[in-house]
Amino acid sequence: MGYKLHTMPISQPARAVMWAMAYEGTEYEAVNAMPGKDTRTPEFMKMSGGIGTVPCLVCDDGFVISESHAIMA
């Protein structure tokens, strides 16, 4: 299990994902990404599919989900 959640705790959608993952008992590594700065780097934009927002969940197999509702579903 190697989930990495690119997040910023002040972001309400990111907090919702963190709460849902805690409720489900899903372990993850939180990677803080400053919106507008870290989320606009070419690496983050490529990883997030061009969306460039938090939260962005990266699974251990390389699968990436970039929308809070999709992550929680």
PDB file of N, CA and C in Angstrom:
ATOM      1  N   MET A   1       0.847  -1.175   0.000  1.00  0.00           N
ATOM      2  CA  MET A   1       0.000   0.000   0.000  1.00  0.00           C
ATOM      3  C   MET A   1       0.883   1.226   0.000  1.00  0.00           C
ATOM      4  N   GLY A   2       0.750   2.024  -0.996  1.00  0.00           N
ATOM      5  CA  GLY A   2       1.579   3.199  -1.092  1.00  0.00           C
ATOM      6  C   GLY A   2       0.809   4.408  -1.567  1.00  0.00           C
ATOM      7  N   TYR A   3      -0.276   4.768  -0.876  1.00  0.00           N
ATOM      8  CA  TYR A   3      -1.049   5.936  -1.261  1.00  0.00           C
ATOM      9  C   TYR A   3      -0.320   7.208  -0.849  1.00  0.00           C
ATOM     10  N   LYS A   4      -0.262   8.171  -1.772  1.00  0.00           N
ATOM     11  CA  LYS A   4       0.260   9.506  -1.471  1.00  0.00           C
ATOM     12  C   LYS A   4      -0.847  10.491  -1.786  1.00  0.00           C
ATOM     13  N   LEU A   5      -1.222  11.252  -0.770  1.00  0.00           N
ATOM     14  CA  LEU A   5      -2.276  12.243  -0.947  1.00  0.00           C
ATOM     15  C   LEU A   5      -1.631  13.615  -0.965  1.00  0.00           C
ATOM     16  N   HIS A   6      -1.622  14.232  -2.128  1.00  0.00           N
ATOM     17  CA  HIS A   6      -1.120  15.597  -2.261  1.00  0.00           C
ATOM     18  C   HIS A   6      -2.248  16.504  -1.798  1.00  0.00           C
ATOM     19  N   THR A   7      -1.972  17.266  -0.751  1.00  0.00           N
ATOM     20  CA  THR A   7      -3.034  17.961  -0.056  1.00  0.00           C
ATOM     21  C   THR A   7      -2.554  19.276   0.535  1.00  0.00           C
ATOM     22  N   MET A   8      -3.492  20.054   0.980  1.00  0.00           N
ATOM     23  CA  MET A   8      -3.234  21.252   1.779  1.00  0.00           C
ATOM     24  C   MET A   8      -4.353  21.268   2.811  1.00  0.00           C
ATOM     25  N   PRO A   9      -4.028  21.098   4.094  1.00  0.00           N
ATOM     26  CA  PRO A   9      -5.071  20.969   5.117  1.00  0.00           C
ATOM     27  C   PRO A   9      -6.079  22.113   5.165  1.00  0.00           C
ATOM     28  N   ILE A  10      -5.747  23.286   4.655  1.00  0.00           N
ATOM     29  CA  ILE A  10      -6.704  24.393   4.666  1.00  0.00           C
ATOM     30  C   ILE A  10      -7.774  24.231   3.575  1.00  0.00           C
ATOM     31  N   SER A  11      -7.538  23.327   2.624  1.00  0.00           N
ATOM     32  CA  SER A  11      -8.483  23.088   1.536  1.00  0.00           C
ATOM     33  C   SER A  11      -9.628  22.204   2.026  1.00  0.00           C
ATOM     34  N   GLN A  12     -10.859  22.681   1.923  1.00  0.00           N
ATOM     35  CA  GLN A  12     -12.010  21.905   2.384  1.00  0.00           C
ATOM     36  C   GLN A  12     -12.145  20.587   1.635  1.00  0.00           C
ATOM     37  N   PRO A  13     -12.016  20.546   0.296  1.00  0.00           N
ATOM     38  CA  PRO A  13     -12.094  19.253  -0.383  1.00  0.00           C
ATOM     39  C   PRO A  13     -10.986  18.287   0.066  1.00  0.00           C
ATOM     40  N   ALA A  14      -9.796  18.806   0.306  1.00  0.00           N
ATOM     41  CA  ALA A  14      -8.699  17.953   0.773  1.00  0.00           C
ATOM     42  C   ALA A  14      -8.994  17.416   2.172  1.00  0.00           C
ATOM     43  N   ARG A  15      -9.548  18.251   3.041  1.00  0.00           N
ATOM     44  CA  ARG A  15      -9.906  17.796   4.394  1.00  0.00           C
ATOM     45  C   ARG A  15     -10.976  16.718   4.328  1.00  0.00           C
ATOM     46  N   ALA A  16     -11.936  16.866   3.442  1.00  0.00           N
ATOM     47  CA  ALA A  16     -12.991  15.860   3.299  1.00  0.00           C
ATOM     48  C   ALA A  16     -12.396  14.508   2.910  1.00  0.00           C
ATOM     49  N   VAL A  17     -11.420  14.523   2.002  1.00  0.00           N
ATOM     50  CA  VAL A  17     -10.763  13.277   1.602  1.00  0.00           C
ATOM     51  C   VAL A  17      -9.981  12.693   2.774  1.00  0.00           C
ATOM     52  N   MET A  18      -9.261  13.541   3.513  1.00  0.00           N
ATOM     53  CA  MET A  18      -8.499  13.046   4.661  1.00  0.00           C
ATOM     54  C   MET A  18      -9.436  12.444   5.704  1.00  0.00           C
ATOM     55  N   TRP A  19     -10.587  13.087   5.956  1.00  0.00           N
ATOM     56  CA  TRP A  19     -11.551  12.552   6.913  1.00  0.00           C
ATOM     57  C   TRP A  19     -12.108  11.212   6.431  1.00  0.00           C
ATOM     58  N   ALA A  20     -12.443  11.120   5.143  1.00  0.00           N
ATOM     59  CA  ALA A  20     -12.988   9.875   4.596  1.00  0.00           C
ATOM     60  C   ALA A  20     -11.964   8.744   4.681  1.00  0.00           C
ATOM     61  N   MET A  21     -10.712   9.058   4.383  1.00  0.00           N
ATOM     62  CA  MET A  21      -9.670   8.033   4.455  1.00  0.00           C
ATOM     63  C   MET A  21      -9.434   7.607   5.900  1.00  0.00           C
ATOM     64  N   ALA A  22      -9.502   8.546   6.837  1.00  0.00           N
ATOM     65  CA  ALA A  22      -9.357   8.204   8.253  1.00  0.00           C
ATOM     66  C   ALA A  22     -10.525   7.338   8.711  1.00  0.00           C
ATOM     67  N   TYR A  23     -11.727   7.668   8.291  1.00  0.00           N
ATOM     68  CA  TYR A  23     -12.917   6.905   8.654  1.00  0.00           C
ATOM     69  C   TYR A  23     -12.812   5.465   8.160  1.00  0.00           C
ATOM     70  N   GLU A  24     -12.317   5.306   6.930  1.00  0.00           N
ATOM     71  CA  GLU A  24     -12.178   3.976   6.342  1.00  0.00           C
ATOM     72  C   GLU A  24     -10.946   3.226   6.841  1.00  0.00           C
ATOM     73  N   GLY A  25     -10.055   3.928   7.543  1.00  0.00           N
ATOM     74  CA  GLY A  25      -8.831   3.294   8.036  1.00  0.00           C
ATOM     75  C   GLY A  25      -7.776   3.120   6.956  1.00  0.00           C
ATOM     76  N   THR A  26      -7.840   3.931   5.932  1.00  0.00           N
ATOM     77  CA  THR A  26      -6.888   3.852   4.823  1.00  0.00           C
ATOM     78  C   THR A  26      -5.628   4.631   5.183  1.00  0.00           C
ATOM     79  N   GLU A  27      -4.506   3.944   5.149  1.00  0.00           N
ATOM     80  CA  GLU A  27      -3.234   4.595   5.444  1.00  0.00           C
ATOM     81  C   GLU A  27      -2.717   5.291   4.191  1.00  0.00           C
ATOM     82  N   TYR A  28      -2.139   6.472   4.393  1.00  0.00           N
ATOM     83  CA  TYR A  28      -1.610   7.239   3.278  1.00  0.00           C
ATOM     84  C   TYR A  28      -0.517   8.162   3.781  1.00  0.00           C
ATOM     85  N   GLU A  29       0.292   8.616   2.850  1.00  0.00           N
ATOM     86  CA  GLU A  29       1.314   9.619   3.144  1.00  0.00           C
ATOM     87  C   GLU A  29       0.788  10.964   2.656  1.00  0.00           C
ATOM     88  N   ALA A  30       0.728  11.931   3.547  1.00  0.00           N
ATOM     89  CA  ALA A  30       0.277  13.271   3.172  1.00  0.00           C
ATOM     90  C   ALA A  30       1.459  14.072   2.643  1.00  0.00           C
ATOM     91  N   VAL A  31       1.299  14.619   1.462  1.00  0.00           N
ATOM     92  CA  VAL A  31       2.319  15.458   0.847  1.00  0.00           C
ATOM     93  C   VAL A  31       1.710  16.848   0.693  1.00  0.00           C
ATOM     94  N   ASN A  32       2.184  17.810   1.466  1.00  0.00           N
ATOM     95  CA  ASN A  32       1.639  19.161   1.387  1.00  0.00           C
ATOM     96  C   ASN A  32       2.034  19.825   0.071  1.00  0.00           C
ATOM     97  N   ALA A  33       1.040  20.378  -0.604  1.00  0.00           N
ATOM     98  CA  ALA A  33       1.251  21.061  -1.875  1.00  0.00           C
ATOM     99  C   ALA A  33       0.551  22.413  -1.798  1.00  0.00           C
ATOM    100  N   MET A  34       1.309  23.478  -1.842  1.00  0.00           N
ATOM    101  CA  MET A  34       0.751  24.827  -1.752  1.00  0.00           C
ATOM    102  C   MET A  34       0.009  25.167  -3.049  1.00  0.00           C
ATOM    103  N   PRO A  35      -1.328  25.350  -2.969  1.00  0.00           N
ATOM    104  CA  PRO A  35      -2.082  25.712  -4.160  1.00  0.00           C
ATOM    105  C   PRO A  35      -1.558  27.007  -4.786  1.00  0.00           C
ATOM    106  N   GLY A  36      -1.459  27.009  -6.103  1.00  0.00           N
ATOM    107  CA  GLY A  36      -0.983  28.175  -6.822  1.00  0.00           C
ATOM    108  C   GLY A  36       0.525  28.242  -6.948  1.00  0.00           C
ATOM    109  N   LYS A  37       1.221  27.447  -6.163  1.00  0.00           N
ATOM    110  CA  LYS A  37       2.684  27.426  -6.231  1.00  0.00           C
ATOM    111  C   LYS A  37       3.138  26.014  -6.586  1.00  0.00           C
ATOM    112  N   ASP A  38       3.050  25.100  -5.627  1.00  0.00           N
ATOM    113  CA  ASP A  38       3.468  23.716  -5.873  1.00  0.00           C
ATOM    114  C   ASP A  38       2.570  23.018  -6.885  1.00  0.00           C
ATOM    115  N   THR A  39       1.301  23.405  -6.934  1.00  0.00           N
ATOM    116  CA  THR A  39       0.361  22.739  -7.844  1.00  0.00           C
ATOM    117  C   THR A  39       0.476  23.228  -9.281  1.00  0.00           C
ATOM    118  N   ARG A  40       1.292  24.220  -9.523  1.00  0.00           N
ATOM    119  CA  ARG A  40       1.459  24.750 -10.883  1.00  0.00           C
ATOM    120  C   ARG A  40       2.788  24.354 -11.523  1.00  0.00           C
ATOM    121  N   THR A  41       3.561  23.524 -10.838  1.00  0.00           N
ATOM    122  CA  THR A  41       4.814  23.060 -11.425  1.00  0.00           C
ATOM    123  C   THR A  41       4.493  22.101 -12.573  1.00  0.00           C
ATOM    124  N   PRO A  42       5.362  22.004 -13.559  1.00  0.00           N
ATOM    125  CA  PRO A  42       5.109  21.074 -14.661  1.00  0.00           C
ATOM    126  C   PRO A  42       4.929  19.632 -14.190  1.00  0.00           C
ATOM    127  N   GLU A  43       5.671  19.225 -13.160  1.00  0.00           N
ATOM    128  CA  GLU A  43       5.569  17.854 -12.655  1.00  0.00           C
ATOM    129  C   GLU A  43       4.184  17.590 -12.058  1.00  0.00           C
ATOM    130  N   PHE A  44       3.697  18.540 -11.240  1.00  0.00           N
ATOM    131  CA  PHE A  44       2.378  18.360 -10.611  1.00  0.00           C
ATOM    132  C   PHE A  44       1.286  18.417 -11.662  1.00  0.00           C
ATOM    133  N   MET A  45       1.392  19.345 -12.605  1.00  0.00           N
ATOM    134  CA  MET A  45       0.375  19.454 -13.658  1.00  0.00           C
ATOM    135  C   MET A  45       0.294  18.161 -14.466  1.00  0.00           C
ATOM    136  N   LYS A  46       1.435  17.561 -14.788  1.00  0.00           N
ATOM    137  CA  LYS A  46       1.444  16.302 -15.539  1.00  0.00           C
ATOM    138  C   LYS A  46       0.828  15.188 -14.702  1.00  0.00           C
ATOM    139  N   MET A  47       1.210  15.130 -13.422  1.00  0.00           N
ATOM    140  CA  MET A  47       0.715  14.080 -12.536  1.00  0.00           C
ATOM    141  C   MET A  47      -0.788  14.190 -12.353  1.00  0.00           C
ATOM    142  N   SER A  48      -1.309  15.405 -12.211  1.00  0.00           N
ATOM    143  CA  SER A  48      -2.736  15.604 -11.936  1.00  0.00           C
ATOM    144  C   SER A  48      -3.587  15.662 -13.198  1.00  0.00           C
ATOM    145  N   GLY A  49      -3.023  15.377 -14.324  1.00  0.00           N
ATOM    146  CA  GLY A  49      -3.790  15.389 -15.563  1.00  0.00           C
ATOM    147  C   GLY A  49      -4.136  16.784 -16.043  1.00  0.00           C
ATOM    148  N   GLY A  50      -3.311  17.759 -15.655  1.00  0.00           N
ATOM    149  CA  GLY A  50      -3.524  19.128 -16.087  1.00  0.00           C
ATOM    150  C   GLY A  50      -4.482  19.925 -15.224  1.00  0.00           C
ATOM    151  N   ILE A  51      -5.052  19.294 -14.200  1.00  0.00           N
ATOM    152  CA  ILE A  51      -6.006  19.995 -13.340  1.00  0.00           C
ATOM    153  C   ILE A  51      -5.283  20.923 -12.381  1.00  0.00           C
ATOM    154  N   GLY A  52      -4.225  20.432 -11.756  1.00  0.00           N
ATOM    155  CA  GLY A  52      -3.401  21.274 -10.886  1.00  0.00           C
ATOM    156  C   GLY A  52      -4.065  21.724  -9.607  1.00  0.00           C
ATOM    157  N   THR A  53      -4.903  20.861  -9.024  1.00  0.00           N
ATOM    158  CA  THR A  53      -5.560  21.208  -7.763  1.00  0.00           C
ATOM    159  C   THR A  53      -5.333  20.106  -6.730  1.00  0.00           C
ATOM    160  N   VAL A  54      -5.562  20.453  -5.470  1.00  0.00           N
ATOM    161  CA  VAL A  54      -5.541  19.456  -4.408  1.00  0.00           C
ATOM    162  C   VAL A  54      -6.987  19.181  -4.017  1.00  0.00           C
ATOM    163  N   PRO A  55      -7.302  17.982  -3.595  1.00  0.00           N
ATOM    164  CA  PRO A  55      -6.430  16.845  -3.374  1.00  0.00           C
ATOM    165  C   PRO A  55      -6.138  16.087  -4.665  1.00  0.00           C
ATOM    166  N   CYS A  56      -5.037  15.374  -4.618  1.00  0.00           N
ATOM    167  CA  CYS A  56      -4.624  14.527  -5.734  1.00  0.00           C
ATOM    168  C   CYS A  56      -4.051  13.255  -5.120  1.00  0.00           C
ATOM    169  N   LEU A  57      -4.693  12.130  -5.367  1.00  0.00           N
ATOM    170  CA  LEU A  57      -4.282  10.854  -4.783  1.00  0.00           C
ATOM    171  C   LEU A  57      -3.498  10.048  -5.805  1.00  0.00           C
ATOM    172  N   VAL A  58      -2.285   9.621  -5.408  1.00  0.00           N
ATOM    173  CA  VAL A  58      -1.445   8.783  -6.258  1.00  0.00           C
ATOM    174  C   VAL A  58      -1.360   7.415  -5.600  1.00  0.00           C
ATOM    175  N   CYS A  59      -1.775   6.391  -6.332  1.00  0.00           N
ATOM    176  CA  CYS A  59      -1.734   5.026  -5.819  1.00  0.00           C
ATOM    177  C   CYS A  59      -0.370   4.408  -6.102  1.00  0.00           C
ATOM    178  N   ASP A  60      -0.066   3.301  -5.420  1.00  0.00           N
ATOM    179  CA  ASP A  60       1.243   2.679  -5.567  1.00  0.00           C
ATOM    180  C   ASP A  60       1.492   2.137  -6.966  1.00  0.00           C
ATOM    181  N   ASP A  61       0.432   1.876  -7.737  1.00  0.00           N
ATOM    182  CA  ASP A  61       0.614   1.382  -9.104  1.00  0.00           C
ATOM    183  C   ASP A  61       0.687   2.509 -10.128  1.00  0.00           C
ATOM    184  N   GLY A  62       0.695   3.775  -9.635  1.00  0.00           N
ATOM    185  CA  GLY A  62       0.816   4.919 -10.522  1.00  0.00           C
ATOM    186  C   GLY A  62      -0.503   5.542 -10.931  1.00  0.00           C
ATOM    187  N   PHE A  63      -1.620   4.915 -10.558  1.00  0.00           N
ATOM    188  CA  PHE A  63      -2.937   5.466 -10.873  1.00  0.00           C
ATOM    189  C   PHE A  63      -3.145   6.748 -10.083  1.00  0.00           C
ATOM    190  N   VAL A  64      -3.690   7.789 -10.729  1.00  0.00           N
ATOM    191  CA  VAL A  64      -3.872   9.099 -10.094  1.00  0.00           C
ATOM    192  C   VAL A  64      -5.336   9.520 -10.219  1.00  0.00           C
ATOM    193  N   ILE A  65      -5.886  10.019  -9.095  1.00  0.00           N
ATOM    194  CA  ILE A  65      -7.237  10.585  -9.081  1.00  0.00           C
ATOM    195  C   ILE A  65      -7.103  12.007  -8.543  1.00  0.00           C
ATOM    196  N   SER A  66      -7.702  12.967  -9.251  1.00  0.00           N
ATOM    197  CA  SER A  66      -7.501  14.371  -8.895  1.00  0.00           C
ATOM    198  C   SER A  66      -8.751  15.109  -8.433  1.00  0.00           C
ATOM    199  N   GLU A  67      -9.847  14.466  -8.234  1.00  0.00           N
ATOM    200  CA  GLU A  67     -11.074  15.130  -7.787  1.00  0.00           C
ATOM    201  C   GLU A  67     -11.514  14.538  -6.461  1.00  0.00           C
ATOM    202  N   SER A  68     -11.852  15.395  -5.510  1.00  0.00           N
ATOM    203  CA  SER A  68     -12.195  14.913  -4.168  1.00  0.00           C
ATOM    204  C   SER A  68     -13.376  13.944  -4.182  1.00  0.00           C
ATOM    205  N   HIS A  69     -14.417  14.232  -4.967  1.00  0.00           N
ATOM    206  CA  HIS A  69     -15.570  13.351  -5.009  1.00  0.00           C
ATOM    207  C   HIS A  69     -15.208  11.989  -5.598  1.00  0.00           C
ATOM    208  N   ALA A  70     -14.375  11.979  -6.607  1.00  0.00           N
ATOM    209  CA  ALA A  70     -13.932  10.717  -7.204  1.00  0.00           C
ATOM    210  C   ALA A  70     -13.084   9.924  -6.225  1.00  0.00           C
ATOM    211  N   ILE A  71     -12.210  10.595  -5.496  1.00  0.00           N
ATOM    212  CA  ILE A  71     -11.366   9.912  -4.517  1.00  0.00           C
ATOM    213  C   ILE A  71     -12.244   9.265  -3.448  1.00  0.00           C
ATOM    214  N   MET A  72     -13.222  10.008  -2.955  1.00  0.00           N
ATOM    215  CA  MET A  72     -14.062   9.469  -1.887  1.00  0.00           C
ATOM    216  C   MET A  72     -14.984   8.361  -2.358  1.00  0.00           C
ATOM    217  N   ALA A  73     -15.331   8.355  -3.649  1.00  0.00           N
ATOM    218  CA  ALA A  73     -16.195   7.295  -4.175  1.00  0.00           C
ATOM    219  C   ALA A  73     -15.397   6.014  -4.279  1.00  0.00           C
TER     220      ALA A  73
END
